[in-house]
PDB file of N, CA and C in Angstrom:
ATOM      1  N   MET A   1     -37.842  32.190   2.686  1.00  0.00           N
ATOM      2  CA  MET A   1     -37.567  30.932   2.365  1.00  0.00           C
ATOM      3  C   MET A   1     -37.857  30.272   2.212  1.00  0.00           C
ATOM      4  N   THR A   2     -37.840  28.756   2.450  1.00  0.00           N
ATOM      5  CA  THR A   2     -38.085  27.431   1.970  1.00  0.00           C
ATOM      6  C   THR A   2     -38.347  26.898   2.503  1.00  0.00           C
ATOM      7  N   LEU A   3     -39.254  25.780   3.315  1.00  0.00           N
ATOM      8  CA  LEU A   3     -40.006  25.374   4.170  1.00  0.00           C
ATOM      9  C   LEU A   3     -39.334  23.437   3.734  1.00  0.00           C
ATOM     10  N   VAL A   4     -39.038  23.085   3.653  1.00  0.00           N
ATOM     11  CA  VAL A   4     -39.136  21.634   3.544  1.00  0.00           C
ATOM     12  C   VAL A   4     -39.341  20.492   5.163  1.00  0.00           C
ATOM     13  N   SER A   5     -40.069  19.932   3.889  1.00  0.00           N
ATOM     14  CA  SER A   5     -40.390  19.152   4.703  1.00  0.00           C
ATOM     15  C   SER A   5     -39.862  17.667   4.887  1.00  0.00           C
ATOM     16  N   PRO A   6     -40.448  16.858   6.258  1.00  0.00           N
ATOM     17  CA  PRO A   6     -39.825  15.689   6.936  1.00  0.00           C
ATOM     18  C   PRO A   6     -39.314  14.453   4.979  1.00  0.00           C
ATOM     19  N   PHE A   7     -38.655  14.081   5.311  1.00  0.00           N
ATOM     20  CA  PHE A   7     -38.500  12.759   3.952  1.00  0.00           C
ATOM     21  C   PHE A   7     -39.427  11.309   4.841  1.00  0.00           C
ATOM     22  N   ASP A   8     -39.817  10.872   4.117  1.00  0.00           N
ATOM     23  CA  ASP A   8     -40.713   9.751   5.307  1.00  0.00           C
ATOM     24  C   ASP A   8     -40.295   8.745   4.429  1.00  0.00           C
ATOM     25  N   LEU A   9     -39.902   7.774   4.468  1.00  0.00           N
ATOM     26  CA  LEU A   9     -40.039   6.476   4.129  1.00  0.00           C
ATOM     27  C   LEU A   9     -40.172   6.018   3.477  1.00  0.00           C
ATOM     28  N   THR A  10     -42.019   5.939   4.496  1.00  0.00           N
ATOM     29  CA  THR A  10     -43.390   5.272   3.336  1.00  0.00           C
ATOM     30  C   THR A  10     -43.653   6.073   2.458  1.00  0.00           C
ATOM     31  N   GLY A  11     -43.526   6.976   2.287  1.00  0.00           N
ATOM     32  CA  GLY A  11     -44.407   7.615   1.122  1.00  0.00           C
ATOM     33  C   GLY A  11     -43.256   6.995   0.248  1.00  0.00           C
ATOM     34  N   PRO A  12     -44.568   7.664  -1.232  1.00  0.00           N
ATOM     35  CA  PRO A  12     -44.227   7.874  -2.672  1.00  0.00           C
ATOM     36  C   PRO A  12     -42.453   7.292  -2.885  1.00  0.00           C
ATOM     37  N   LEU A  13     -42.193   6.731  -3.529  1.00  0.00           N
ATOM     38  CA  LEU A  13     -40.296   6.814  -3.766  1.00  0.00           C
ATOM     39  C   LEU A  13     -39.797   8.216  -5.556  1.00  0.00           C
ATOM     40  N   PRO A  14     -39.315   8.624  -4.706  1.00  0.00           N
ATOM     41  CA  PRO A  14     -38.536   9.775  -5.663  1.00  0.00           C
ATOM     42  C   PRO A  14     -38.681   9.429  -6.975  1.00  0.00           C
ATOM     43  N   THR A  15     -38.234   9.197  -8.264  1.00  0.00           N
ATOM     44  CA  THR A  15     -38.369   9.026  -9.240  1.00  0.00           C
ATOM     45  C   THR A  15     -36.968   9.457  -9.774  1.00  0.00           C
ATOM     46  N   GLY A  16     -36.888   9.178 -11.548  1.00  0.00           N
ATOM     47  CA  GLY A  16     -35.609   9.850 -12.149  1.00  0.00           C
ATOM     48  C   GLY A  16     -34.491   9.626 -10.816  1.00  0.00           C
ATOM     49  N   ARG A  17     -33.427  10.949 -10.842  1.00  0.00           N
ATOM     50  CA  ARG A  17     -31.554  10.652  -9.752  1.00  0.00           C
ATOM     51  C   ARG A  17     -32.827  11.287  -8.242  1.00  0.00           C
ATOM     52  N   THR A  18     -31.749  11.060  -7.739  1.00  0.00           N
ATOM     53  CA  THR A  18     -32.627  11.718  -6.044  1.00  0.00           C
ATOM     54  C   THR A  18     -30.824  12.311  -5.571  1.00  0.00           C
ATOM     55  N   ALA A  19     -30.843  13.073  -4.509  1.00  0.00           N
ATOM     56  CA  ALA A  19     -29.485  13.409  -4.056  1.00  0.00           C
ATOM     57  C   ALA A  19     -29.995  13.239  -2.835  1.00  0.00           C
ATOM     58  N   ILE A  20     -29.758  13.357  -1.255  1.00  0.00           N
ATOM     59  CA  ILE A  20     -29.126  12.949  -0.566  1.00  0.00           C
ATOM     60  C   ILE A  20     -28.333  13.457  -0.297  1.00  0.00           C
ATOM     61  N   GLU A  21     -28.984  14.868   0.673  1.00  0.00           N
ATOM     62  CA  GLU A  21     -27.670  15.876   1.806  1.00  0.00           C
ATOM     63  C   GLU A  21     -27.758  15.689   3.131  1.00  0.00           C
ATOM     64  N   ALA A  22     -27.661  15.499   3.967  1.00  0.00           N
ATOM     65  CA  ALA A  22     -27.234  15.939   5.615  1.00  0.00           C
ATOM     66  C   ALA A  22     -26.112  16.037   6.152  1.00  0.00           C
ATOM     67  N   SER A  23     -25.698  16.282   7.538  1.00  0.00           N
ATOM     68  CA  SER A  23     -24.779  16.438   8.394  1.00  0.00           C
ATOM     69  C   SER A  23     -24.486  14.580   8.304  1.00  0.00           C
ATOM     70  N   ALA A  24     -23.748  15.498   9.284  1.00  0.00           N
ATOM     71  CA  ALA A  24     -23.447  13.850   9.293  1.00  0.00           C
ATOM     72  C   ALA A  24     -24.414  13.085  10.583  1.00  0.00           C
ATOM     73  N   GLY A  25     -24.481  12.008  10.810  1.00  0.00           N
ATOM     74  CA  GLY A  25     -24.916  10.735  11.855  1.00  0.00           C
ATOM     75  C   GLY A  25     -26.699  11.560  11.290  1.00  0.00           C
ATOM     76  N   THR A  26     -27.413  12.243  10.911  1.00  0.00           N
ATOM     77  CA  THR A  26     -28.522  12.484  11.000  1.00  0.00           C
ATOM     78  C   THR A  26     -29.005  10.799  10.432  1.00  0.00           C
ATOM     79  N   GLY A  27     -29.357  10.730   9.264  1.00  0.00           N
ATOM     80  CA  GLY A  27     -29.433   9.460   8.919  1.00  0.00           C
ATOM     81  C   GLY A  27     -29.438   9.050   7.885  1.00  0.00           C
ATOM     82  N   LYS A  28     -29.027   9.531   7.036  1.00  0.00           N
ATOM     83  CA  LYS A  28     -28.537   9.119   5.477  1.00  0.00           C
ATOM     84  C   LYS A  28     -28.317   7.778   5.403  1.00  0.00           C
ATOM     85  N   THR A  29     -27.276   6.717   6.033  1.00  0.00           N
ATOM     86  CA  THR A  29     -26.728   5.538   5.228  1.00  0.00           C
ATOM     87  C   THR A  29     -28.483   4.106   5.378  1.00  0.00           C
ATOM     88  N   TYR A  30     -28.774   4.662   6.442  1.00  0.00           N
ATOM     89  CA  TYR A  30     -30.258   5.141   6.909  1.00  0.00           C
ATOM     90  C   TYR A  30     -31.547   4.523   5.593  1.00  0.00           C
ATOM     91  N   THR A  31     -31.299   5.468   5.784  1.00  0.00           N
ATOM     92  CA  THR A  31     -32.399   5.737   4.556  1.00  0.00           C
ATOM     93  C   THR A  31     -31.966   6.320   2.705  1.00  0.00           C
ATOM     94  N   LEU A  32     -30.489   5.560   2.321  1.00  0.00           N
ATOM     95  CA  LEU A  32     -30.372   5.575   1.743  1.00  0.00           C
ATOM     96  C   LEU A  32     -29.980   3.838   0.868  1.00  0.00           C
ATOM     97  N   ALA A  33     -30.453   2.852   1.914  1.00  0.00           N
ATOM     98  CA  ALA A  33     -30.551   1.428   2.132  1.00  0.00           C
ATOM     99  C   ALA A  33     -32.242   0.945   2.641  1.00  0.00           C
ATOM    100  N   ALA A  34     -32.080   1.866   2.993  1.00  0.00           N
ATOM    101  CA  ALA A  34     -34.394   1.832   3.096  1.00  0.00           C
ATOM    102  C   ALA A  34     -34.726   2.631   1.750  1.00  0.00           C
ATOM    103  N   LEU A  35     -34.187   3.000   1.247  1.00  0.00           N
ATOM    104  CA  LEU A  35     -34.667   3.091  -0.036  1.00  0.00           C
ATOM    105  C   LEU A  35     -34.232   2.302  -0.817  1.00  0.00           C
ATOM    106  N   CYS A  36     -33.064   2.019  -1.427  1.00  0.00           N
ATOM    107  CA  CYS A  36     -32.851   0.936  -2.112  1.00  0.00           C
ATOM    108  C   CYS A  36     -33.101  -0.752  -1.345  1.00  0.00           C
ATOM    109  N   THR A  37     -34.026  -0.901  -0.569  1.00  0.00           N
ATOM    110  CA  THR A  37     -34.711  -2.524  -0.321  1.00  0.00           C
ATOM    111  C   THR A  37     -36.135  -2.165  -1.200  1.00  0.00           C
ATOM    112  N   ARG A  38     -36.360  -0.198  -0.538  1.00  0.00           N
ATOM    113  CA  ARG A  38     -38.330  -0.323  -2.174  1.00  0.00           C
ATOM    114  C   ARG A  38     -37.769  -0.491  -3.133  1.00  0.00           C
ATOM    115  N   TYR A  39     -37.612   0.206  -4.007  1.00  0.00           N
ATOM    116  CA  TYR A  39     -37.137   0.026  -5.308  1.00  0.00           C
ATOM    117  C   TYR A  39     -37.195  -1.663  -5.440  1.00  0.00           C
ATOM    118  N   VAL A  40     -36.025  -2.433  -4.730  1.00  0.00           N
ATOM    119  CA  VAL A  40     -35.863  -3.219  -4.889  1.00  0.00           C
ATOM    120  C   VAL A  40     -37.258  -4.626  -4.817  1.00  0.00           C
ATOM    121  N   ALA A  41     -37.882  -4.026  -3.676  1.00  0.00           N
ATOM    122  CA  ALA A  41     -38.886  -5.012  -3.370  1.00  0.00           C
ATOM    123  C   ALA A  41     -40.501  -4.247  -3.816  1.00  0.00           C
ATOM    124  N   GLU A  42     -40.675  -2.797  -4.909  1.00  0.00           N
ATOM    125  CA  GLU A  42     -42.125  -2.683  -4.632  1.00  0.00           C
ATOM    126  C   GLU A  42     -41.739  -3.047  -6.549  1.00  0.00           C
ATOM    127  N   ARG A  43     -40.570  -2.063  -6.800  1.00  0.00           N
ATOM    128  CA  ARG A  43     -40.486  -1.841  -8.174  1.00  0.00           C
ATOM    129  C   ARG A  43     -40.370  -3.007  -8.939  1.00  0.00           C
ATOM    130  N   GLY A  44     -39.381  -4.212  -8.107  1.00  0.00           N
ATOM    131  CA  GLY A  44     -38.639  -5.186  -9.446  1.00  0.00           C
ATOM    132  C   GLY A  44     -37.168  -4.544  -9.119  1.00  0.00           C
ATOM    133  N   VAL A  45     -36.810  -3.571  -8.861  1.00  0.00           N
ATOM    134  CA  VAL A  45     -35.192  -3.058 -10.296  1.00  0.00           C
ATOM    135  C   VAL A  45     -34.182  -4.364  -9.523  1.00  0.00           C
ATOM    136  N   PRO A  46     -33.212  -4.533  -9.742  1.00  0.00           N
ATOM    137  CA  PRO A  46     -32.376  -4.755  -9.693  1.00  0.00           C
ATOM    138  C   PRO A  46     -31.595  -4.529  -9.522  1.00  0.00           C
ATOM    139  N   ILE A  47     -31.006  -5.177  -7.939  1.00  0.00           N
ATOM    140  CA  ILE A  47     -29.451  -4.997  -7.046  1.00  0.00           C
ATOM    141  C   ILE A  47     -28.768  -3.856  -7.944  1.00  0.00           C
ATOM    142  N   ASP A  48     -28.306  -4.375 -10.202  1.00  0.00           N
ATOM    143  CA  ASP A  48     -27.292  -3.537 -10.185  1.00  0.00           C
ATOM    144  C   ASP A  48     -28.533  -2.847 -11.234  1.00  0.00           C
ATOM    145  N   ARG A  49     -28.117  -1.975 -10.693  1.00  0.00           N
ATOM    146  CA  ARG A  49     -29.612  -0.146 -11.507  1.00  0.00           C
ATOM    147  C   ARG A  49     -29.628  -0.174 -10.557  1.00  0.00           C
ATOM    148  N   ILE A  50     -28.886  -0.091  -9.099  1.00  0.00           N
ATOM    149  CA  ILE A  50     -28.776   0.834  -8.595  1.00  0.00           C
ATOM    150  C   ILE A  50     -27.776   1.725  -8.447  1.00  0.00           C
ATOM    151  N   LEU A  51     -27.351   2.839  -8.616  1.00  0.00           N
ATOM    152  CA  LEU A  51     -26.079   3.576  -7.788  1.00  0.00           C
ATOM    153  C   LEU A  51     -25.932   4.488  -6.673  1.00  0.00           C
ATOM    154  N   VAL A  52     -25.388   4.413  -5.987  1.00  0.00           N
ATOM    155  CA  VAL A  52     -25.615   5.503  -4.789  1.00  0.00           C
ATOM    156  C   VAL A  52     -23.667   5.069  -4.361  1.00  0.00           C
ATOM    157  N   VAL A  53     -23.853   6.570  -4.905  1.00  0.00           N
ATOM    158  CA  VAL A  53     -22.267   7.195  -4.050  1.00  0.00           C
ATOM    159  C   VAL A  53     -21.893   7.751  -3.264  1.00  0.00           C
ATOM    160  N   THR A  54     -20.632   7.988  -2.229  1.00  0.00           N
ATOM    161  CA  THR A  54     -20.032   8.896  -1.564  1.00  0.00           C
ATOM    162  C   THR A  54     -19.221   8.159  -1.869  1.00  0.00           C
ATOM    163  N   PHE A  55     -18.346   9.707  -1.526  1.00  0.00           N
ATOM    164  CA  PHE A  55     -17.197  10.260  -1.394  1.00  0.00           C
ATOM    165  C   PHE A  55     -15.384   9.970  -1.016  1.00  0.00           C
ATOM    166  N   THR A  56     -15.888   8.413  -0.231  1.00  0.00           N
ATOM    167  CA  THR A  56     -14.403   7.146  -0.333  1.00  0.00           C
ATOM    168  C   THR A  56     -14.562   6.422   0.356  1.00  0.00           C
ATOM    169  N   ARG A  57     -12.830   5.322   0.044  1.00  0.00           N
ATOM    170  CA  ARG A  57     -13.630   4.283  -0.162  1.00  0.00           C
ATOM    171  C   ARG A  57     -14.479   4.014   1.130  1.00  0.00           C
ATOM    172  N   ALA A  58     -13.805   3.302   2.446  1.00  0.00           N
ATOM    173  CA  ALA A  58     -14.141   3.375   2.935  1.00  0.00           C
ATOM    174  C   ALA A  58     -15.895   4.010   3.429  1.00  0.00           C
ATOM    175  N   ALA A  59     -16.138   4.760   3.765  1.00  0.00           N
ATOM    176  CA  ALA A  59     -17.861   5.790   3.651  1.00  0.00           C
ATOM    177  C   ALA A  59     -18.463   4.724   1.363  1.00  0.00           C
ATOM    178  N   ALA A  60     -18.388   3.738   1.326  1.00  0.00           N
ATOM    179  CA  ALA A  60     -17.948   3.193   0.372  1.00  0.00           C
ATOM    180  C   ALA A  60     -18.457   1.358   0.356  1.00  0.00           C
ATOM    181  N   ALA A  61     -18.065   0.953   1.289  1.00  0.00           N
ATOM    182  CA  ALA A  61     -17.992  -0.166   1.523  1.00  0.00           C
ATOM    183  C   ALA A  61     -19.350  -0.577   2.770  1.00  0.00           C
ATOM    184  N   GLU A  62     -18.747   0.864   3.605  1.00  0.00           N
ATOM    185  CA  GLU A  62     -19.794   0.833   5.504  1.00  0.00           C
ATOM    186  C   GLU A  62     -20.762   1.185   4.160  1.00  0.00           C
ATOM    187  N   LEU A  63     -21.122   1.244   3.517  1.00  0.00           N
ATOM    188  CA  LEU A  63     -23.077   1.547   2.845  1.00  0.00           C
ATOM    189  C   LEU A  63     -22.977   0.834   1.664  1.00  0.00           C
ATOM    190  N   ARG A  64     -22.101  -0.208   0.829  1.00  0.00           N
ATOM    191  CA  ARG A  64     -23.086  -1.145   0.256  1.00  0.00           C
ATOM    192  C   ARG A  64     -23.008  -2.223   1.096  1.00  0.00           C
ATOM    193  N   ASP A  65     -22.313  -2.380   2.788  1.00  0.00           N
ATOM    194  CA  ASP A  65     -23.528  -3.104   3.539  1.00  0.00           C
ATOM    195  C   ASP A  65     -23.871  -3.498   4.518  1.00  0.00           C
ATOM    196  N   ARG A  66     -23.985  -2.084   4.389  1.00  0.00           N
ATOM    197  CA  ARG A  66     -25.448  -1.499   4.913  1.00  0.00           C
ATOM    198  C   ARG A  66     -26.835  -1.508   4.388  1.00  0.00           C
ATOM    199  N   ILE A  67     -26.403  -1.524   2.947  1.00  0.00           N
ATOM    200  CA  ILE A  67     -27.856  -1.491   2.243  1.00  0.00           C
ATOM    201  C   ILE A  67     -27.432  -2.673   1.839  1.00  0.00           C
ATOM    202  N   ARG A  68     -26.975  -4.464   1.729  1.00  0.00           N
ATOM    203  CA  ARG A  68     -26.448  -5.606   1.250  1.00  0.00           C
ATOM    204  C   ARG A  68     -27.468  -6.313   3.051  1.00  0.00           C
ATOM    205  N   ALA A  69     -26.773  -5.073   4.005  1.00  0.00           N
ATOM    206  CA  ALA A  69     -27.616  -6.617   5.421  1.00  0.00           C
ATOM    207  C   ALA A  69     -29.087  -6.192   5.745  1.00  0.00           C
ATOM    208  N   ARG A  70     -29.647  -4.400   5.495  1.00  0.00           N
ATOM    209  CA  ARG A  70     -30.790  -4.252   5.134  1.00  0.00           C
ATOM    210  C   ARG A  70     -31.584  -5.003   3.825  1.00  0.00           C
ATOM    211  N   ILE A  71     -31.744  -5.238   2.796  1.00  0.00           N
ATOM    212  CA  ILE A  71     -32.157  -6.328   1.886  1.00  0.00           C
ATOM    213  C   ILE A  71     -32.330  -7.626   2.905  1.00  0.00           C
ATOM    214  N   ALA A  72     -31.044  -8.042   3.215  1.00  0.00           N
ATOM    215  CA  ALA A  72     -31.179  -9.017   3.688  1.00  0.00           C
ATOM    216  C   ALA A  72     -32.690  -9.771   5.069  1.00  0.00           C
ATOM    217  N   GLY A  73     -31.956  -8.532   5.784  1.00  0.00           N
ATOM    218  CA  GLY A  73     -33.019  -8.732   7.134  1.00  0.00           C
ATOM    219  C   GLY A  73     -34.384  -7.944   6.059  1.00  0.00           C
ATOM    220  N   ALA A  74     -34.382  -7.591   5.112  1.00  0.00           N
ATOM    221  CA  ALA A  74     -36.505  -7.621   5.009  1.00  0.00           C
ATOM    222  C   ALA A  74     -36.526  -8.899   4.576  1.00  0.00           C
ATOM    223  N   ALA A  75     -35.803  -9.587   3.467  1.00  0.00           N
ATOM    224  CA  ALA A  75     -35.828 -10.350   2.775  1.00  0.00           C
ATOM    225  C   ALA A  75     -36.301 -11.909   3.643  1.00  0.00           C
ATOM    226  N   ILE A  76     -35.465 -11.614   5.483  1.00  0.00           N
ATOM    227  CA  ILE A  76     -36.283 -13.204   5.461  1.00  0.00           C
ATOM    228  C   ILE A  76     -36.930 -12.126   6.837  1.00  0.00           C
ATOM    229  N   ALA A  77     -37.130 -11.031   7.053  1.00  0.00           N
ATOM    230  CA  ALA A  77     -38.991 -11.137   7.491  1.00  0.00           C
ATOM    231  C   ALA A  77     -40.097 -11.207   7.522  1.00  0.00           C
ATOM    232  N   LEU A  78     -39.060 -11.204   6.237  1.00  0.00           N
ATOM    233  CA  LEU A  78     -41.304 -10.696   4.825  1.00  0.00           C
ATOM    234  C   LEU A  78     -41.096 -12.136   4.584  1.00  0.00           C
ATOM    235  N   THR A  79     -40.136 -13.131   4.394  1.00  0.00           N
ATOM    236  CA  THR A  79     -40.087 -14.435   3.745  1.00  0.00           C
ATOM    237  C   THR A  79     -41.798 -15.351   4.692  1.00  0.00           C
ATOM    238  N   GLY A  80     -41.183 -15.085   6.070  1.00  0.00           N
ATOM    239  CA  GLY A  80     -42.017 -15.932   6.954  1.00  0.00           C
ATOM    240  C   GLY A  80     -43.985 -15.217   7.561  1.00  0.00           C
ATOM    241  N   ASP A  81     -44.450 -16.004   7.798  1.00  0.00           N
ATOM    242  CA  ASP A  81     -46.186 -15.172   8.084  1.00  0.00           C
ATOM    243  C   ASP A  81     -45.955 -14.252   9.576  1.00  0.00           C
ATOM    244  N   ALA A  82     -44.928 -14.052  10.481  1.00  0.00           N
ATOM    245  CA  ALA A  82     -44.865 -12.971  11.243  1.00  0.00           C
ATOM    246  C   ALA A  82     -45.471 -12.139  11.472  1.00  0.00           C
ATOM    247  N   ASP A  83     -46.309 -11.299  11.776  1.00  0.00           N
ATOM    248  CA  ASP A  83     -46.126  -9.624  12.110  1.00  0.00           C
ATOM    249  C   ASP A  83     -45.713  -8.615  12.519  1.00  0.00           C
ATOM    250  N   LEU A  84     -45.012  -7.860  10.960  1.00  0.00           N
ATOM    251  CA  LEU A  84     -44.297  -7.089  10.521  1.00  0.00           C
ATOM    252  C   LEU A  84     -44.319  -6.613  12.182  1.00  0.00           C
ATOM    253  N   ASP A  85     -43.463  -5.925  12.481  1.00  0.00           N
ATOM    254  CA  ASP A  85     -42.677  -4.756  13.627  1.00  0.00           C
ATOM    255  C   ASP A  85     -42.230  -3.263  13.084  1.00  0.00           C
ATOM    256  N   ASP A  86     -42.227  -3.591  12.001  1.00  0.00           N
ATOM    257  CA  ASP A  86     -41.194  -2.565  11.401  1.00  0.00           C
ATOM    258  C   ASP A  86     -41.797  -1.256   9.997  1.00  0.00           C
ATOM    259  N   ASP A  87     -42.669  -0.531  10.415  1.00  0.00           N
ATOM    260  CA  ASP A  87     -43.020   0.177   9.543  1.00  0.00           C
ATOM    261  C   ASP A  87     -42.766   0.309   7.721  1.00  0.00           C
ATOM    262  N   LEU A  88     -41.781   0.848   7.452  1.00  0.00           N
ATOM    263  CA  LEU A  88     -40.524   0.015   6.949  1.00  0.00           C
ATOM    264  C   LEU A  88     -40.974  -1.432   5.707  1.00  0.00           C
ATOM    265  N   LEU A  89     -41.058  -1.832   5.912  1.00  0.00           N
ATOM    266  CA  LEU A  89     -41.566  -3.601   6.110  1.00  0.00           C
ATOM    267  C   LEU A  89     -43.246  -3.658   5.054  1.00  0.00           C
ATOM    268  N   ARG A  90     -43.608  -3.598   6.534  1.00  0.00           N
ATOM    269  CA  ARG A  90     -44.968  -3.337   6.086  1.00  0.00           C
ATOM    270  C   ARG A  90     -46.064  -2.077   5.075  1.00  0.00           C
ATOM    271  N   ALA A  91     -44.576  -1.378   5.203  1.00  0.00           N
ATOM    272  CA  ALA A  91     -45.713  -0.611   3.792  1.00  0.00           C
ATOM    273  C   ALA A  91     -44.520  -1.245   1.907  1.00  0.00           C
ATOM    274  N   ILE A  92     -43.528  -2.012   2.669  1.00  0.00           N
ATOM    275  CA  ILE A  92     -43.431  -2.442   0.544  1.00  0.00           C
ATOM    276  C   ILE A  92     -44.528  -3.417   1.232  1.00  0.00           C
ATOM    277  N   ALA A  93     -44.837  -4.701   2.152  1.00  0.00           N
ATOM    278  CA  ALA A  93     -45.513  -5.564   2.313  1.00  0.00           C
ATOM    279  C   ALA A  93     -46.875  -4.996   0.493  1.00  0.00           C
ATOM    280  N   ALA A  94     -47.415  -4.386   2.034  1.00  0.00           N
ATOM    281  CA  ALA A  94     -48.464  -3.261   1.203  1.00  0.00           C
ATOM    282  C   ALA A  94     -48.350  -3.049   0.005  1.00  0.00           C
ATOM    283  N   GLN A  95     -47.550  -2.289  -0.357  1.00  0.00           N
ATOM    284  CA  GLN A  95     -47.241  -1.845  -1.534  1.00  0.00           C
ATOM    285  C   GLN A  95     -47.000  -2.509  -2.901  1.00  0.00           C
ATOM    286  N   THR A  96     -46.612  -3.572  -2.794  1.00  0.00           N
ATOM    287  CA  THR A  96     -45.868  -4.066  -3.294  1.00  0.00           C
ATOM    288  C   THR A  96     -47.019  -5.048  -4.734  1.00  0.00           C
ATOM    289  N   PRO A  97     -46.557  -4.942  -5.024  1.00  0.00           N
ATOM    290  CA  PRO A  97     -47.688  -5.706  -6.414  1.00  0.00           C
ATOM    291  C   PRO A  97     -47.776  -7.409  -6.177  1.00  0.00           C
ATOM    292  N   GLY A  98     -48.394  -7.933  -5.361  1.00  0.00           N
ATOM    293  CA  GLY A  98     -48.386  -9.716  -5.264  1.00  0.00           C
ATOM    294  C   GLY A  98     -47.844  -9.725  -4.195  1.00  0.00           C
ATOM    295  N   GLY A  99     -47.367  -8.346  -3.104  1.00  0.00           N
ATOM    296  CA  GLY A  99     -47.641  -8.564  -1.622  1.00  0.00           C
ATOM    297  C   GLY A  99     -45.841  -9.677  -0.844  1.00  0.00           C
ATOM    298  N   ARG A 100     -46.186  -9.495  -0.120  1.00  0.00           N
ATOM    299  CA  ARG A 100     -45.225  -9.957   0.947  1.00  0.00           C
ATOM    300  C   ARG A 100     -43.481 -11.236   0.342  1.00  0.00           C
ATOM    301  N   ALA A 101     -44.834 -11.977  -0.504  1.00  0.00           N
ATOM    302  CA  ALA A 101     -44.146 -12.978  -1.433  1.00  0.00           C
ATOM    303  C   ALA A 101     -43.215 -13.291  -2.788  1.00  0.00           C
ATOM    304  N   VAL A 102     -43.749 -11.579  -2.681  1.00  0.00           N
ATOM    305  CA  VAL A 102     -42.999 -11.473  -4.227  1.00  0.00           C
ATOM    306  C   VAL A 102     -42.241  -9.673  -4.239  1.00  0.00           C
ATOM    307  N   ALA A 103     -41.938  -9.600  -2.787  1.00  0.00           N
ATOM    308  CA  ALA A 103     -41.490  -8.454  -2.100  1.00  0.00           C
ATOM    309  C   ALA A 103     -40.348  -9.526  -2.099  1.00  0.00           C
ATOM    310  N   ALA A 104     -40.074 -10.725  -0.702  1.00  0.00           N
ATOM    311  CA  ALA A 104     -39.333 -11.064  -0.962  1.00  0.00           C
ATOM    312  C   ALA A 104     -38.384 -11.994  -1.368  1.00  0.00           C
ATOM    313  N   ARG A 105     -39.569 -12.389  -2.599  1.00  0.00           N
ATOM    314  CA  ARG A 105     -38.401 -13.348  -3.812  1.00  0.00           C
ATOM    315  C   ARG A 105     -37.433 -12.743  -4.046  1.00  0.00           C
ATOM    316  N   ARG A 106     -37.535 -11.164  -4.036  1.00  0.00           N
ATOM    317  CA  ARG A 106     -36.980  -9.721  -5.091  1.00  0.00           C
ATOM    318  C   ARG A 106     -35.705  -9.450  -4.269  1.00  0.00           C
ATOM    319  N   LEU A 107     -36.126  -9.493  -3.059  1.00  0.00           N
ATOM    320  CA  LEU A 107     -35.125  -9.306  -2.349  1.00  0.00           C
ATOM    321  C   LEU A 107     -34.460 -10.563  -1.983  1.00  0.00           C
ATOM    322  N   GLU A 108     -34.237 -11.000  -2.522  1.00  0.00           N
ATOM    323  CA  GLU A 108     -33.489 -12.595  -1.922  1.00  0.00           C
ATOM    324  C   GLU A 108     -32.760 -12.390  -3.154  1.00  0.00           C
ATOM    325  N   GLN A 109     -33.529 -11.987  -4.683  1.00  0.00           N
ATOM    326  CA  GLN A 109     -33.105 -11.823  -5.171  1.00  0.00           C
ATOM    327  C   GLN A 109     -31.490 -11.321  -5.233  1.00  0.00           C
ATOM    328  N   ALA A 110     -32.134 -10.273  -5.380  1.00  0.00           N
ATOM    329  CA  ALA A 110     -31.206  -9.048  -4.004  1.00  0.00           C
ATOM    330  C   ALA A 110     -29.532  -9.641  -4.444  1.00  0.00           C
ATOM    331  N   VAL A 111     -30.400 -10.111  -2.516  1.00  0.00           N
ATOM    332  CA  VAL A 111     -28.504 -10.364  -1.625  1.00  0.00           C
ATOM    333  C   VAL A 111     -28.070 -11.975  -2.793  1.00  0.00           C
ATOM    334  N   VAL A 112     -28.899 -12.186  -3.766  1.00  0.00           N
ATOM    335  CA  VAL A 112     -27.661 -13.739  -4.205  1.00  0.00           C
ATOM    336  C   VAL A 112     -27.295 -13.058  -5.061  1.00  0.00           C
ATOM    337  N   ASP A 113     -27.159 -11.691  -6.016  1.00  0.00           N
ATOM    338  CA  ASP A 113     -26.639 -10.884  -6.753  1.00  0.00           C
ATOM    339  C   ASP A 113     -25.442 -10.250  -6.339  1.00  0.00           C
ATOM    340  N   PHE A 114     -26.183  -9.749  -5.074  1.00  0.00           N
ATOM    341  CA  PHE A 114     -24.894  -8.591  -4.236  1.00  0.00           C
ATOM    342  C   PHE A 114     -23.640  -9.685  -3.642  1.00  0.00           C
ATOM    343  N   ASP A 115     -23.580 -10.636  -3.440  1.00  0.00           N
ATOM    344  CA  ASP A 115     -22.645 -11.293  -3.596  1.00  0.00           C
ATOM    345  C   ASP A 115     -21.889 -11.979  -5.168  1.00  0.00           C
TER     346      ASP A 115
END
């Protein structure tokens, strides 16, 4: 029997292709939105270089909307000087070369490119 460690959203970013598989209601969409946000903010990956695949058009539309909303929300939160109350946002600010300002600019550009 293989033991699987829980996935840590603030841990090292996966490299290469990554598959996320889990039962309904387990947070797959939340996890995908967070990973997309991190890749854009921390690594500077343009949003048009990220491919996320799901099974139905309705699920794809919801996933697209949730990813865009997470990126937009992170951009707004990282723009100000307020304390970050989200572990993911604190990790992004700490792990992005150049810090919050660079992360915010990358995320803002992703929102523009999304639209």
